[in-house]
Amino acid sequence: MLQSNYSSFHGFMLLGFSDHPNLEMILSGVVTVFYFITLVGNSAIILACHQDSRLHTPMYFFLRNLSFLDLCFTTSIVPQMLVNLWGPEKTISYAGCIIQLYVYMWLGSVECLLLAVMSYDRFTAVCKPLHYLVIMSPHLCLRMIMIVWSISLVNSVVLCTLTLNLPRCGNKLLDHFLCELPAMVQIACVDTTAVEMSVFALGIVIVLTPLTLILISYGFIGKAVVGMKSKGGQRKAMNTCGSHLSVVTIYYGAIIYMYLQPGSSASKDQGKFVTLFYTIITPSLNPLIYTLRNKDMKGALMKLVGFHQESAKGKRSWS
């Protein structure tokens, strides 16, 4: 019945959480709150890193890129999702779905690779502190960022194009709240084994290879921390590396659950909630994780708030 009702619609219907209508209004409130936290928290980190000269280091350069990435990643999903949660028609245009699919895959891949780059930065800072600024030069940092975005773009173009070329035989019902690659594969009316194998193969390159490099980096970091004689140095290394490792654990755990396991091993509802977690909740947690354990970042944020307070006082004094 739903398929026939939308037979003349040139787009897709997102079923989302329609199986749980009583849950949709609660979800819309939760998503709105976390989206607001994401916008405020990540914007604050970007501004603080820009304003405070003490944060003009490679570590905070990558953190600023991560915050910018999280802003873009969440914004590519949440507005459309809220429209569908609030409104009676849960649709997305064909062009909108295609754009969301490419952008979603692109930015998701960037985050995987960027976290690996950040682990290399932490490895260099802890294991080679005397040569840190020489090794992690501005030129190298910028080049690494460009490589990350370029590789991720290629991955997105290849996987999304393969998926979109699958015949759908008029199927327009996506059992998800966004245009995600597994949901698009599921509505194909042909054998999708080749595409699924391609997704798995590139998933190993984009997900497991960076994760392996992260684990190797933290193996060396752990060895270096244990060998430190200064308790203060150990504590500082644990604080800066602990924040990054927390983000890695949360993000990669969800990604591996979604993309590197047989599709039959998890229910669709579980997949939706896992996707909801790493696309909406995780980006809001990153600013909290990095600020609560980072003295320099907390100081920069307090300085930023104080700057705005002084500006506001200055404006009132002229009125």
C-alpha atoms as a PDB file:
ATOM      1  CA  MET A   1       0.000   0.000   0.000  1.00  0.00           C
ATOM      2  CA  LEU A   2       2.789   2.438   0.937  1.00  0.00           C
ATOM      3  CA  GLN A   3       4.660   1.565  -2.236  1.00  0.00           C
ATOM      4  CA  SER A   4       1.610   2.271  -4.416  1.00  0.00           C
ATOM      5  CA  ASN A   5       0.863   5.537  -2.643  1.00  0.00           C
ATOM      6  CA  TYR A   6       4.343   6.815  -3.556  1.00  0.00           C
ATOM      7  CA  SER A   7       4.560   5.303  -7.023  1.00  0.00           C
ATOM      8  CA  SER A   8       4.429   8.745  -8.664  1.00  0.00           C
ATOM      9  CA  PHE A   9       6.884  10.321  -6.206  1.00  0.00           C
ATOM     10  CA  HIS A  10      10.384  10.853  -7.612  1.00  0.00           C
ATOM     11  CA  GLY A  11      12.292  10.230  -4.427  1.00  0.00           C
ATOM     12  CA  PHE A  12      12.361   7.900  -1.445  1.00  0.00           C
ATOM     13  CA  MET A  13      10.229   7.327   1.619  1.00  0.00           C
ATOM     14  CA  LEU A  14      12.233   6.979   4.829  1.00  0.00           C
ATOM     15  CA  LEU A  15      10.453   4.607   7.182  1.00  0.00           C
ATOM     16  CA  GLY A  16      12.750   5.633  10.023  1.00  0.00           C
ATOM     17  CA  PHE A  17      11.203   4.754  13.379  1.00  0.00           C
ATOM     18  CA  SER A  18       7.633   4.565  12.050  1.00  0.00           C
ATOM     19  CA  ASP A  19       7.273   1.129  13.688  1.00  0.00           C
ATOM     20  CA  HIS A  20       7.471   2.992  17.011  1.00  0.00           C
ATOM     21  CA  PRO A  21       5.277   6.097  16.516  1.00  0.00           C
ATOM     22  CA  ASN A  22       5.193   6.869  20.246  1.00  0.00           C
ATOM     23  CA  LEU A  23       8.974   6.995  20.221  1.00  0.00           C
ATOM     24  CA  GLU A  24       9.297   9.507  17.391  1.00  0.00           C
ATOM     25  CA  MET A  25       8.436  12.642  19.400  1.00  0.00           C
ATOM     26  CA  ILE A  26      10.816  11.592  22.169  1.00  0.00           C
ATOM     27  CA  LEU A  27      13.535  10.964  19.586  1.00  0.00           C
ATOM     28  CA  SER A  28      12.952  14.359  17.968  1.00  0.00           C
ATOM     29  CA  GLY A  29      13.522  16.034  21.341  1.00  0.00           C
ATOM     30  CA  VAL A  30      16.644  13.977  22.071  1.00  0.00           C
ATOM     31  CA  VAL A  31      18.076  14.604  18.602  1.00  0.00           C
ATOM     32  CA  THR A  32      17.387  18.351  18.870  1.00  0.00           C
ATOM     33  CA  VAL A  33      19.175  18.564  22.231  1.00  0.00           C
ATOM     34  CA  PHE A  34      22.224  16.626  21.053  1.00  0.00           C
ATOM     35  CA  TYR A  35      22.367  18.579  17.789  1.00  0.00           C
ATOM     36  CA  PHE A  36      22.371  21.835  19.760  1.00  0.00           C
ATOM     37  CA  ILE A  37      25.181  20.507  21.977  1.00  0.00           C
ATOM     38  CA  THR A  38      27.116  19.465  18.865  1.00  0.00           C
ATOM     39  CA  LEU A  39      26.765  22.899  17.271  1.00  0.00           C
ATOM     40  CA  VAL A  40      27.726  24.813  20.414  1.00  0.00           C
ATOM     41  CA  GLY A  41      30.474  22.472  21.620  1.00  0.00           C
ATOM     42  CA  ASN A  42      32.304  22.008  18.324  1.00  0.00           C
ATOM     43  CA  SER A  43      31.949  25.669  17.338  1.00  0.00           C
ATOM     44  CA  ALA A  44      33.416  26.645  20.718  1.00  0.00           C
ATOM     45  CA  ILE A  45      36.411  24.352  20.159  1.00  0.00           C
ATOM     46  CA  ILE A  46      37.044  25.827  16.692  1.00  0.00           C
ATOM     47  CA  LEU A  47      36.841  29.392  18.011  1.00  0.00           C
ATOM     48  CA  ALA A  48      38.976  28.639  21.075  1.00  0.00           C
ATOM     49  CA  CYS A  49      41.695  26.976  18.957  1.00  0.00           C
ATOM     50  CA  HIS A  50      41.671  29.972  16.634  1.00  0.00           C
ATOM     51  CA  GLN A  51      41.718  32.644  19.350  1.00  0.00           C
ATOM     52  CA  ASP A  52      44.244  31.175  21.804  1.00  0.00           C
ATOM     53  CA  SER A  53      47.829  31.201  20.521  1.00  0.00           C
ATOM     54  CA  ARG A  54      48.749  28.419  22.962  1.00  0.00           C
ATOM     55  CA  LEU A  55      46.543  26.070  20.935  1.00  0.00           C
ATOM     56  CA  HIS A  56      48.285  26.750  17.623  1.00  0.00           C
ATOM     57  CA  THR A  57      49.914  23.319  17.681  1.00  0.00           C
ATOM     58  CA  PRO A  58      49.483  20.200  15.504  1.00  0.00           C
ATOM     59  CA  MET A  59      47.323  18.459  18.122  1.00  0.00           C
ATOM     60  CA  TYR A  60      44.775  21.271  18.198  1.00  0.00           C
ATOM     61  CA  PHE A  61      44.985  21.734  14.442  1.00  0.00           C
ATOM     62  CA  PHE A  62      43.677  18.177  14.060  1.00  0.00           C
ATOM     63  CA  LEU A  63      41.158  18.666  16.856  1.00  0.00           C
ATOM     64  CA  ARG A  64      39.822  21.741  15.076  1.00  0.00           C
ATOM     65  CA  ASN A  65      39.465  19.683  11.902  1.00  0.00           C
ATOM     66  CA  LEU A  66      37.636  16.974  13.860  1.00  0.00           C
ATOM     67  CA  SER A  67      35.215  19.544  15.261  1.00  0.00           C
ATOM     68  CA  PHE A  68      34.580  20.997  11.805  1.00  0.00           C
ATOM     69  CA  LEU A  69      34.041  17.485  10.465  1.00  0.00           C
ATOM     70  CA  ASP A  70      31.540  16.658  13.223  1.00  0.00           C
ATOM     71  CA  LEU A  71      29.600  19.843  12.493  1.00  0.00           C
ATOM     72  CA  CYS A  72      29.322  18.957   8.799  1.00  0.00           C
ATOM     73  CA  PHE A  73      28.628  15.263   9.470  1.00  0.00           C
ATOM     74  CA  THR A  74      25.727  15.917  11.836  1.00  0.00           C
ATOM     75  CA  THR A  75      24.288  18.788   9.782  1.00  0.00           C
ATOM     76  CA  SER A  76      24.122  16.553   6.715  1.00  0.00           C
ATOM     77  CA  ILE A  77      21.676  14.303   8.602  1.00  0.00           C
ATOM     78  CA  VAL A  78      19.803  16.042  11.427  1.00  0.00           C
ATOM     79  CA  PRO A  79      17.742  18.747   9.639  1.00  0.00           C
ATOM     80  CA  GLN A  80      16.190  16.233   7.218  1.00  0.00           C
ATOM     81  CA  MET A  81      15.666  13.760  10.043  1.00  0.00           C
ATOM     82  CA  LEU A  82      13.846  16.312  12.215  1.00  0.00           C
ATOM     83  CA  VAL A  83      11.576  17.299   9.316  1.00  0.00           C
ATOM     84  CA  ASN A  84      10.595  13.652   8.894  1.00  0.00           C
ATOM     85  CA  LEU A  85      10.116  13.097  12.628  1.00  0.00           C
ATOM     86  CA  TRP A  86       7.904  16.170  12.995  1.00  0.00           C
ATOM     87  CA  GLY A  87       5.922  15.902   9.765  1.00  0.00           C
ATOM     88  CA  PRO A  88       3.415  13.319   8.504  1.00  0.00           C
ATOM     89  CA  GLU A  89       5.316  12.668   5.248  1.00  0.00           C
ATOM     90  CA  LYS A  90       8.679  11.000   5.715  1.00  0.00           C
ATOM     91  CA  THR A  91      10.137  11.600   2.288  1.00  0.00           C
ATOM     92  CA  ILE A  92      13.355  12.810   0.727  1.00  0.00           C
ATOM     93  CA  SER A  93      13.867  13.865  -2.884  1.00  0.00           C
ATOM     94  CA  TYR A  94      15.987  11.724  -5.179  1.00  0.00           C
ATOM     95  CA  ALA A  95      18.642  14.448  -5.495  1.00  0.00           C
ATOM     96  CA  GLY A  96      18.614  15.035  -1.739  1.00  0.00           C
ATOM     97  CA  CYS A  97      19.042  11.327  -1.060  1.00  0.00           C
ATOM     98  CA  ILE A  98      21.949  11.022  -3.485  1.00  0.00           C
ATOM     99  CA  ILE A  99      23.718  14.050  -2.013  1.00  0.00           C
ATOM    100  CA  GLN A 100      23.188  12.782   1.533  1.00  0.00           C
ATOM    101  CA  LEU A 101      24.500   9.323   0.588  1.00  0.00           C
ATOM    102  CA  TYR A 102      27.727  10.658  -0.953  1.00  0.00           C
ATOM    103  CA  VAL A 103      28.341  13.237   1.781  1.00  0.00           C
ATOM    104  CA  TYR A 104      27.545  10.776   4.563  1.00  0.00           C
ATOM    105  CA  MET A 105      29.990   8.176   3.234  1.00  0.00           C
ATOM    106  CA  TRP A 106      32.628  10.823   2.525  1.00  0.00           C
ATOM    107  CA  LEU A 107      32.552  12.417   5.973  1.00  0.00           C
ATOM    108  CA  GLY A 108      32.268   9.075   7.771  1.00  0.00           C
ATOM    109  CA  SER A 109      35.400   7.854   5.980  1.00  0.00           C
ATOM    110  CA  VAL A 110      37.212  11.102   6.791  1.00  0.00           C
ATOM    111  CA  GLU A 111      36.576  10.589  10.507  1.00  0.00           C
ATOM    112  CA  CYS A 112      38.042   7.077  10.436  1.00  0.00           C
ATOM    113  CA  LEU A 113      41.240   8.264   8.751  1.00  0.00           C
ATOM    114  CA  LEU A 114      41.474  11.498  10.743  1.00  0.00           C
ATOM    115  CA  LEU A 115      41.425   9.585  14.029  1.00  0.00           C
ATOM    116  CA  ALA A 116      44.374   7.533  12.723  1.00  0.00           C
ATOM    117  CA  VAL A 117      46.276  10.711  11.839  1.00  0.00           C
ATOM    118  CA  MET A 118      45.576  12.074  15.318  1.00  0.00           C
ATOM    119  CA  SER A 119      46.983   8.894  16.855  1.00  0.00           C
ATOM    120  CA  TYR A 120      50.205   9.393  14.875  1.00  0.00           C
ATOM    121  CA  ASP A 121      50.350  12.950  16.199  1.00  0.00           C
ATOM    122  CA  ARG A 122      50.022  11.631  19.773  1.00  0.00           C
ATOM    123  CA  PHE A 123      52.660   8.954  19.093  1.00  0.00           C
ATOM    124  CA  THR A 124      55.111  11.600  17.894  1.00  0.00           C
ATOM    125  CA  ALA A 125      54.380  13.912  20.849  1.00  0.00           C
ATOM    126  CA  VAL A 126      54.886  11.185  23.471  1.00  0.00           C
ATOM    127  CA  CYS A 127      57.613   9.039  21.896  1.00  0.00           C
ATOM    128  CA  LYS A 128      59.616  11.767  20.146  1.00  0.00           C
ATOM    129  CA  PRO A 129      58.924  14.950  22.143  1.00  0.00           C
ATOM    130  CA  LEU A 130      62.195  16.699  21.267  1.00  0.00           C
ATOM    131  CA  HIS A 131      61.526  16.366  17.523  1.00  0.00           C
ATOM    132  CA  TYR A 132      57.742  16.777  17.694  1.00  0.00           C
ATOM    133  CA  LEU A 133      57.427  20.242  16.141  1.00  0.00           C
ATOM    134  CA  VAL A 134      60.026  19.419  13.491  1.00  0.00           C
ATOM    135  CA  ILE A 135      58.299  16.201  12.436  1.00  0.00           C
ATOM    136  CA  MET A 136      54.756  17.543  12.673  1.00  0.00           C
ATOM    137  CA  SER A 137      55.443  20.640  10.597  1.00  0.00           C
ATOM    138  CA  PRO A 138      52.531  22.769   9.328  1.00  0.00           C
ATOM    139  CA  HIS A 139      53.258  21.558   5.804  1.00  0.00           C
ATOM    140  CA  LEU A 140      53.037  17.886   6.832  1.00  0.00           C
ATOM    141  CA  CYS A 141      49.864  18.449   8.871  1.00  0.00           C
ATOM    142  CA  LEU A 142      48.142  20.178   5.973  1.00  0.00           C
ATOM    143  CA  ARG A 143      49.263  17.503   3.523  1.00  0.00           C
ATOM    144  CA  MET A 144      47.974  14.733   5.799  1.00  0.00           C
ATOM    145  CA  ILE A 145      44.587  16.437   6.049  1.00  0.00           C
ATOM    146  CA  MET A 146      44.375  16.788   2.259  1.00  0.00           C
ATOM    147  CA  ILE A 147      45.276  13.115   1.777  1.00  0.00           C
ATOM    148  CA  VAL A 148      42.614  12.049   4.302  1.00  0.00           C
ATOM    149  CA  TRP A 149      39.868  14.034   2.568  1.00  0.00           C
ATOM    150  CA  SER A 150      40.987  12.868  -0.899  1.00  0.00           C
ATOM    151  CA  ILE A 151      41.116   9.150  -0.060  1.00  0.00           C
ATOM    152  CA  SER A 152      37.734   9.394   1.649  1.00  0.00           C
ATOM    153  CA  LEU A 153      36.218  11.125  -1.352  1.00  0.00           C
ATOM    154  CA  VAL A 154      37.425   8.351  -3.659  1.00  0.00           C
ATOM    155  CA  ASN A 155      35.993   5.730  -1.290  1.00  0.00           C
ATOM    156  CA  SER A 156      32.635   7.518  -1.225  1.00  0.00           C
ATOM    157  CA  VAL A 157      32.453   7.922  -4.995  1.00  0.00           C
ATOM    158  CA  VAL A 158      33.302   4.254  -5.660  1.00  0.00           C
ATOM    159  CA  LEU A 159      30.935   2.703  -3.103  1.00  0.00           C
ATOM    160  CA  CYS A 160      28.012   5.066  -3.640  1.00  0.00           C
ATOM    161  CA  THR A 161      28.233   4.825  -7.421  1.00  0.00           C
ATOM    162  CA  LEU A 162      28.270   1.019  -7.271  1.00  0.00           C
ATOM    163  CA  THR A 163      25.235   1.090  -4.992  1.00  0.00           C
ATOM    164  CA  LEU A 164      23.256   3.588  -7.068  1.00  0.00           C
ATOM    165  CA  ASN A 165      23.840   1.552 -10.224  1.00  0.00           C
ATOM    166  CA  LEU A 166      21.941  -1.376  -8.708  1.00  0.00           C
ATOM    167  CA  PRO A 167      18.432  -1.703 -10.220  1.00  0.00           C
ATOM    168  CA  ARG A 168      15.688  -1.081  -7.664  1.00  0.00           C
ATOM    169  CA  CYS A 169      12.642  -2.082  -9.756  1.00  0.00           C
ATOM    170  CA  GLY A 170      10.658   0.885  -8.470  1.00  0.00           C
ATOM    171  CA  ASN A 171      11.394   0.238  -4.779  1.00  0.00           C
ATOM    172  CA  LYS A 172      11.306   3.552  -2.926  1.00  0.00           C
ATOM    173  CA  LEU A 173      10.878   2.501   0.702  1.00  0.00           C
ATOM    174  CA  LEU A 174      14.100   2.875   2.685  1.00  0.00           C
ATOM    175  CA  ASP A 175      13.883   1.209   6.077  1.00  0.00           C
ATOM    176  CA  HIS A 176      16.036   3.869   7.733  1.00  0.00           C
ATOM    177  CA  PHE A 177      15.993   7.508   8.836  1.00  0.00           C
ATOM    178  CA  LEU A 178      18.630   8.545   6.286  1.00  0.00           C
ATOM    179  CA  CYS A 179      19.954   7.487   2.892  1.00  0.00           C
ATOM    180  CA  GLU A 180      22.595   5.066   4.128  1.00  0.00           C
ATOM    181  CA  LEU A 181      24.489   2.610   1.944  1.00  0.00           C
ATOM    182  CA  PRO A 182      23.245  -0.677   3.519  1.00  0.00           C
ATOM    183  CA  ALA A 183      19.636   0.555   3.319  1.00  0.00           C
ATOM    184  CA  MET A 184      20.088   1.422  -0.366  1.00  0.00           C
ATOM    185  CA  VAL A 185      21.591  -2.014  -1.080  1.00  0.00           C
ATOM    186  CA  GLN A 186      18.646  -3.739   0.617  1.00  0.00           C
ATOM    187  CA  ILE A 187      16.076  -2.328  -1.830  1.00  0.00           C
ATOM    188  CA  ALA A 188      17.951  -3.607  -4.890  1.00  0.00           C
ATOM    189  CA  CYS A 189      16.082  -6.281  -6.855  1.00  0.00           C
ATOM    190  CA  VAL A 190      19.192  -8.181  -8.016  1.00  0.00           C
ATOM    191  CA  ASP A 191      21.949 -10.161  -6.365  1.00  0.00           C
ATOM    192  CA  THR A 192      24.058  -7.662  -4.377  1.00  0.00           C
ATOM    193  CA  THR A 193      26.907 -10.001  -3.409  1.00  0.00           C
ATOM    194  CA  ALA A 194      29.484  -8.163  -5.536  1.00  0.00           C
ATOM    195  CA  VAL A 195      28.591  -4.775  -4.055  1.00  0.00           C
ATOM    196  CA  GLU A 196      28.552  -6.176  -0.513  1.00  0.00           C
ATOM    197  CA  MET A 197      32.003  -7.679  -1.040  1.00  0.00           C
ATOM    198  CA  SER A 198      33.250  -4.329  -2.374  1.00  0.00           C
ATOM    199  CA  VAL A 199      31.854  -2.578   0.702  1.00  0.00           C
ATOM    200  CA  PHE A 200      33.554  -5.128   2.947  1.00  0.00           C
ATOM    201  CA  ALA A 201      36.891  -4.858   1.106  1.00  0.00           C
ATOM    202  CA  LEU A 202      36.973  -1.059   1.172  1.00  0.00           C
ATOM    203  CA  GLY A 203      35.696  -1.192   4.743  1.00  0.00           C
ATOM    204  CA  ILE A 204      38.862  -3.070   5.679  1.00  0.00           C
ATOM    205  CA  VAL A 205      40.952  -0.353   4.017  1.00  0.00           C
ATOM    206  CA  ILE A 206      39.042   2.595   5.497  1.00  0.00           C
ATOM    207  CA  VAL A 207      38.143   1.137   8.904  1.00  0.00           C
ATOM    208  CA  LEU A 208      40.435  -1.720   9.941  1.00  0.00           C
ATOM    209  CA  THR A 209      43.695  -0.372   8.481  1.00  0.00           C
ATOM    210  CA  PRO A 210      43.466   2.960  10.364  1.00  0.00           C
ATOM    211  CA  LEU A 211      42.348   1.100  13.493  1.00  0.00           C
ATOM    212  CA  THR A 212      45.386  -1.170  13.237  1.00  0.00           C
ATOM    213  CA  LEU A 213      47.673   1.871  12.936  1.00  0.00           C
ATOM    214  CA  ILE A 214      45.959   3.429  15.956  1.00  0.00           C
ATOM    215  CA  LEU A 215      46.522   0.300  18.042  1.00  0.00           C
ATOM    216  CA  ILE A 216      50.174   0.118  16.976  1.00  0.00           C
ATOM    217  CA  SER A 217      50.651   3.794  17.870  1.00  0.00           C
ATOM    218  CA  TYR A 218      49.116   3.285  21.297  1.00  0.00           C
ATOM    219  CA  GLY A 219      51.263   0.219  21.839  1.00  0.00           C
ATOM    220  CA  PHE A 220      54.365   2.407  21.480  1.00  0.00           C
ATOM    221  CA  ILE A 221      52.727   5.193  23.509  1.00  0.00           C
ATOM    222  CA  GLY A 222      51.920   2.791  26.343  1.00  0.00           C
ATOM    223  CA  LYS A 223      55.503   1.521  26.376  1.00  0.00           C
ATOM    224  CA  ALA A 224      56.834   5.093  26.452  1.00  0.00           C
ATOM    225  CA  VAL A 225      54.469   6.152  29.252  1.00  0.00           C
ATOM    226  CA  VAL A 226      55.447   3.172  31.422  1.00  0.00           C
ATOM    227  CA  GLY A 227      59.118   4.115  30.965  1.00  0.00           C
ATOM    228  CA  MET A 228      58.604   7.729  32.069  1.00  0.00           C
ATOM    229  CA  LYS A 229      60.167   8.609  35.422  1.00  0.00           C
ATOM    230  CA  SER A 230      58.043  11.733  35.925  1.00  0.00           C
ATOM    231  CA  LYS A 231      54.556  11.119  37.318  1.00  0.00           C
ATOM    232  CA  GLY A 232      53.504  14.506  35.948  1.00  0.00           C
ATOM    233  CA  GLY A 233      54.631  13.507  32.462  1.00  0.00           C
ATOM    234  CA  GLN A 234      52.761  10.229  32.708  1.00  0.00           C
ATOM    235  CA  ARG A 235      49.615  12.014  33.852  1.00  0.00           C
ATOM    236  CA  LYS A 236      49.816  14.580  31.052  1.00  0.00           C
ATOM    237  CA  ALA A 237      50.342  11.894  28.410  1.00  0.00           C
ATOM    238  CA  MET A 238      47.454   9.847  29.790  1.00  0.00           C
ATOM    239  CA  ASN A 239      45.130  12.854  29.746  1.00  0.00           C
ATOM    240  CA  THR A 240      45.829  13.902  26.146  1.00  0.00           C
ATOM    241  CA  CYS A 241      45.943  10.352  24.785  1.00  0.00           C
ATOM    242  CA  GLY A 242      43.021   9.186  26.915  1.00  0.00           C
ATOM    243  CA  SER A 243      40.671  11.704  25.313  1.00  0.00           C
ATOM    244  CA  HIS A 244      41.569  10.570  21.813  1.00  0.00           C
ATOM    245  CA  LEU A 245      41.416   6.899  22.753  1.00  0.00           C
ATOM    246  CA  SER A 246      37.911   7.391  24.215  1.00  0.00           C
ATOM    247  CA  VAL A 247      36.691   8.926  20.948  1.00  0.00           C
ATOM    248  CA  VAL A 248      38.312   6.113  18.941  1.00  0.00           C
ATOM    249  CA  THR A 249      36.665   3.428  21.072  1.00  0.00           C
ATOM    250  CA  ILE A 250      33.183   4.948  20.785  1.00  0.00           C
ATOM    251  CA  TYR A 251      33.328   5.699  17.066  1.00  0.00           C
ATOM    252  CA  TYR A 252      35.085   2.580  15.801  1.00  0.00           C
ATOM    253  CA  GLY A 253      32.983   0.307  17.980  1.00  0.00           C
ATOM    254  CA  ALA A 254      29.804   1.536  16.297  1.00  0.00           C
ATOM    255  CA  ILE A 255      31.316   1.532  12.792  1.00  0.00           C
ATOM    256  CA  ILE A 256      32.595  -2.040  13.068  1.00  0.00           C
ATOM    257  CA  TYR A 257      29.230  -3.177  14.398  1.00  0.00           C
ATOM    258  CA  MET A 258      27.469  -1.616  11.410  1.00  0.00           C
ATOM    259  CA  TYR A 259      29.731  -2.351   8.452  1.00  0.00           C
ATOM    260  CA  LEU A 260      32.028  -5.270   9.238  1.00  0.00           C
ATOM    261  CA  GLN A 261      29.635  -8.021  10.249  1.00  0.00           C
ATOM    262  CA  PRO A 262      27.102 -10.192   8.403  1.00  0.00           C
ATOM    263  CA  GLY A 263      23.885  -8.279   7.802  1.00  0.00           C
ATOM    264  CA  SER A 264      21.734 -10.990   9.362  1.00  0.00           C
ATOM    265  CA  SER A 265      23.471 -10.844  12.725  1.00  0.00           C
ATOM    266  CA  ALA A 266      21.822  -7.589  13.814  1.00  0.00           C
ATOM    267  CA  SER A 267      18.225  -6.476  13.632  1.00  0.00           C
ATOM    268  CA  LYS A 268      17.242  -3.434  11.589  1.00  0.00           C
ATOM    269  CA  ASP A 269      16.140  -1.552  14.701  1.00  0.00           C
ATOM    270  CA  GLN A 270      19.520  -2.187  16.317  1.00  0.00           C
ATOM    271  CA  GLY A 271      21.243  -0.867  13.205  1.00  0.00           C
ATOM    272  CA  LYS A 272      19.146   2.300  13.267  1.00  0.00           C
ATOM    273  CA  PHE A 273      19.944   3.040  16.889  1.00  0.00           C
ATOM    274  CA  VAL A 274      23.646   2.337  16.390  1.00  0.00           C
ATOM    275  CA  THR A 275      23.651   4.710  13.395  1.00  0.00           C
ATOM    276  CA  LEU A 276      21.790   7.278  15.502  1.00  0.00           C
ATOM    277  CA  PHE A 277      24.463   6.931  18.161  1.00  0.00           C
ATOM    278  CA  TYR A 278      27.573   7.452  16.034  1.00  0.00           C
ATOM    279  CA  THR A 279      26.103  10.094  13.712  1.00  0.00           C
ATOM    280  CA  ILE A 280      24.323  12.286  16.261  1.00  0.00           C
ATOM    281  CA  ILE A 281      25.318  11.471  19.836  1.00  0.00           C
ATOM    282  CA  THR A 282      29.049  10.814  19.339  1.00  0.00           C
ATOM    283  CA  PRO A 283      29.749  14.231  17.696  1.00  0.00           C
ATOM    284  CA  SER A 284      28.183  15.896  20.740  1.00  0.00           C
ATOM    285  CA  LEU A 285      30.360  13.856  23.119  1.00  0.00           C
ATOM    286  CA  ASN A 286      33.661  14.688  21.416  1.00  0.00           C
ATOM    287  CA  PRO A 287      33.818  18.304  22.712  1.00  0.00           C
ATOM    288  CA  LEU A 288      33.009  17.117  26.240  1.00  0.00           C
ATOM    289  CA  ILE A 289      35.626  14.365  26.118  1.00  0.00           C
ATOM    290  CA  TYR A 290      38.356  16.705  24.881  1.00  0.00           C
ATOM    291  CA  THR A 291      37.552  19.581  27.233  1.00  0.00           C
ATOM    292  CA  LEU A 292      36.889  17.749  30.500  1.00  0.00           C
ATOM    293  CA  ARG A 293      40.349  16.154  30.520  1.00  0.00           C
ATOM    294  CA  ASN A 294      42.316  18.953  28.861  1.00  0.00           C
ATOM    295  CA  LYS A 295      43.506  21.835  31.024  1.00  0.00           C
ATOM    296  CA  ASP A 296      44.663  23.989  28.077  1.00  0.00           C
ATOM    297  CA  MET A 297      41.335  23.609  26.269  1.00  0.00           C
ATOM    298  CA  LYS A 298      39.343  24.454  29.386  1.00  0.00           C
ATOM    299  CA  GLY A 299      41.488  27.548  29.867  1.00  0.00           C
ATOM    300  CA  ALA A 300      41.004  28.585  26.245  1.00  0.00           C
ATOM    301  CA  LEU A 301      37.233  28.165  26.500  1.00  0.00           C
ATOM    302  CA  MET A 302      37.116  30.215  29.700  1.00  0.00           C
ATOM    303  CA  LYS A 303      39.201  32.865  27.993  1.00  0.00           C
ATOM    304  CA  LEU A 304      36.819  32.817  25.018  1.00  0.00           C
ATOM    305  CA  VAL A 305      33.779  33.230  27.276  1.00  0.00           C
ATOM    306  CA  GLY A 306      35.536  36.010  29.184  1.00  0.00           C
ATOM    307  CA  PHE A 307      36.383  37.758  25.918  1.00  0.00           C
ATOM    308  CA  HIS A 308      32.743  37.761  24.869  1.00  0.00           C
ATOM    309  CA  GLN A 309      31.679  38.980  28.308  1.00  0.00           C
ATOM    310  CA  GLU A 310      34.147  41.868  28.116  1.00  0.00           C
ATOM    311  CA  SER A 311      32.932  42.709  24.610  1.00  0.00           C
ATOM    312  CA  ALA A 312      29.340  42.741  25.843  1.00  0.00           C
ATOM    313  CA  LYS A 313      30.294  45.043  28.752  1.00  0.00           C
ATOM    314  CA  GLY A 314      32.118  47.334  26.360  1.00  0.00           C
ATOM    315  CA  LYS A 315      29.068  47.585  24.110  1.00  0.00           C
ATOM    316  CA  ARG A 316      26.794  48.380  27.080  1.00  0.00           C
ATOM    317  CA  SER A 317      29.157  51.113  28.271  1.00  0.00           C
ATOM    318  CA  TRP A 318      28.775  52.912  24.947  1.00  0.00           C
ATOM    319  CA  SER A 319      24.974  52.691  24.969  1.00  0.00           C
END
